[in-house]
Amino acid sequence: MSDTGARPRVGEHTYGLFGVDWRQVPVETWLGRFITATDVPALPGPSAVSHSAFDPGCARGAGVLA
């Protein structure tokens, strides 16, 4: 994938846009990379938020969405 250089804004957020030029890399080759890739899970890291702080935040968020 390559960066298209486009930076669309949605509200207050700016996003980067990436794409694949299928003329340069055939879809079969691109998909083959995923098929032959080994499944290695990501290693866990330290949590940025404690469970005691996270749980009430989830409850408040669920109340807003309900």
C-alpha atoms as a PDB file:
ATOM      1  CA  MET A   1       0.000   0.000   0.000  1.00  0.00           C
ATOM      2  CA  SER A   2       1.169   3.492  -0.640  1.00  0.00           C
ATOM      3  CA  ASP A   3       0.228   6.893   0.679  1.00  0.00           C
ATOM      4  CA  THR A   4      -1.877   8.765  -1.907  1.00  0.00           C
ATOM      5  CA  GLY A   5      -1.007  12.108  -0.356  1.00  0.00           C
ATOM      6  CA  ALA A   6      -4.696  12.922   0.142  1.00  0.00           C
ATOM      7  CA  ARG A   7      -5.611  14.225   3.607  1.00  0.00           C
ATOM      8  CA  PRO A   8      -9.421  14.429   3.816  1.00  0.00           C
ATOM      9  CA  ARG A   9     -10.939  16.161   6.834  1.00  0.00           C
ATOM     10  CA  VAL A  10     -14.053  14.852   8.559  1.00  0.00           C
ATOM     11  CA  GLY A  11     -15.200  17.231  11.260  1.00  0.00           C
ATOM     12  CA  GLU A  12     -12.187  17.938  13.465  1.00  0.00           C
ATOM     13  CA  HIS A  13     -10.228  14.886  12.262  1.00  0.00           C
ATOM     14  CA  THR A  14      -7.785  14.581   9.362  1.00  0.00           C
ATOM     15  CA  TYR A  15      -7.191  11.174   7.805  1.00  0.00           C
ATOM     16  CA  GLY A  16      -4.505   9.716   5.547  1.00  0.00           C
ATOM     17  CA  LEU A  17      -5.603   7.832   2.440  1.00  0.00           C
ATOM     18  CA  PHE A  18      -3.717   4.753   1.257  1.00  0.00           C
ATOM     19  CA  GLY A  19      -4.233   2.695  -1.867  1.00  0.00           C
ATOM     20  CA  VAL A  20      -2.911  -0.118  -4.031  1.00  0.00           C
ATOM     21  CA  ASP A  21      -2.193   0.389  -7.722  1.00  0.00           C
ATOM     22  CA  TRP A  22      -3.292  -2.969  -9.128  1.00  0.00           C
ATOM     23  CA  ARG A  23      -1.523  -2.152 -12.408  1.00  0.00           C
ATOM     24  CA  GLN A  24       1.835  -2.344 -10.608  1.00  0.00           C
ATOM     25  CA  VAL A  25       1.113  -5.273  -8.247  1.00  0.00           C
ATOM     26  CA  PRO A  26      -1.324  -7.935  -9.455  1.00  0.00           C
ATOM     27  CA  VAL A  27      -4.018  -8.735  -6.899  1.00  0.00           C
ATOM     28  CA  GLU A  28      -2.911 -12.383  -6.819  1.00  0.00           C
ATOM     29  CA  THR A  29       0.601 -11.368  -5.743  1.00  0.00           C
ATOM     30  CA  TRP A  30      -0.730  -8.973  -3.106  1.00  0.00           C
ATOM     31  CA  LEU A  31      -3.112 -11.582  -1.676  1.00  0.00           C
ATOM     32  CA  GLY A  32      -0.405 -14.235  -1.792  1.00  0.00           C
ATOM     33  CA  ARG A  33       1.564 -12.239   0.773  1.00  0.00           C
ATOM     34  CA  PHE A  34      -1.280 -12.640   3.249  1.00  0.00           C
ATOM     35  CA  ILE A  35      -1.900 -16.302   2.471  1.00  0.00           C
ATOM     36  CA  THR A  36       1.749 -17.246   3.080  1.00  0.00           C
ATOM     37  CA  ALA A  37       2.220 -14.990   6.106  1.00  0.00           C
ATOM     38  CA  THR A  38       2.642 -16.778   9.411  1.00  0.00           C
ATOM     39  CA  ASP A  39       0.058 -16.176  12.099  1.00  0.00           C
ATOM     40  CA  VAL A  40       2.018 -14.607  14.908  1.00  0.00           C
ATOM     41  CA  PRO A  41      -0.133 -12.903  17.530  1.00  0.00           C
ATOM     42  CA  ALA A  42       0.832  -9.480  18.741  1.00  0.00           C
ATOM     43  CA  LEU A  43       2.583  -9.476  22.072  1.00  0.00           C
ATOM     44  CA  PRO A  44       0.575  -7.944  24.908  1.00  0.00           C
ATOM     45  CA  GLY A  45       1.773  -4.655  26.245  1.00  0.00           C
ATOM     46  CA  PRO A  46       1.041  -2.620  29.317  1.00  0.00           C
ATOM     47  CA  SER A  47      -2.419  -1.120  29.513  1.00  0.00           C
ATOM     48  CA  ALA A  48      -2.621   2.656  29.239  1.00  0.00           C
ATOM     49  CA  VAL A  49      -5.630   2.694  31.588  1.00  0.00           C
ATOM     50  CA  SER A  50      -6.289   0.662  34.723  1.00  0.00           C
ATOM     51  CA  HIS A  51      -9.380  -1.564  34.899  1.00  0.00           C
ATOM     52  CA  SER A  52     -10.746   0.543  37.755  1.00  0.00           C
ATOM     53  CA  ALA A  53     -10.650   3.621  35.477  1.00  0.00           C
ATOM     54  CA  PHE A  54     -11.699   1.793  32.303  1.00  0.00           C
ATOM     55  CA  ASP A  55     -14.849   0.033  33.567  1.00  0.00           C
ATOM     56  CA  PRO A  56     -16.761   3.159  34.703  1.00  0.00           C
ATOM     57  CA  GLY A  57     -15.846   4.894  31.446  1.00  0.00           C
ATOM     58  CA  CYS A  58     -17.368   2.007  29.465  1.00  0.00           C
ATOM     59  CA  ALA A  59     -20.512   2.144  31.559  1.00  0.00           C
ATOM     60  CA  ARG A  60     -20.865   5.904  30.934  1.00  0.00           C
ATOM     61  CA  GLY A  61     -20.268   5.404  27.213  1.00  0.00           C
ATOM     62  CA  ALA A  62     -22.856   2.622  27.023  1.00  0.00           C
ATOM     63  CA  GLY A  63     -25.372   4.900  28.720  1.00  0.00           C
ATOM     64  CA  VAL A  64     -24.751   7.597  26.119  1.00  0.00           C
ATOM     65  CA  LEU A  65     -25.282   5.161  23.249  1.00  0.00           C
ATOM     66  CA  ALA A  66     -28.427   3.592  24.730  1.00  0.00           C
END
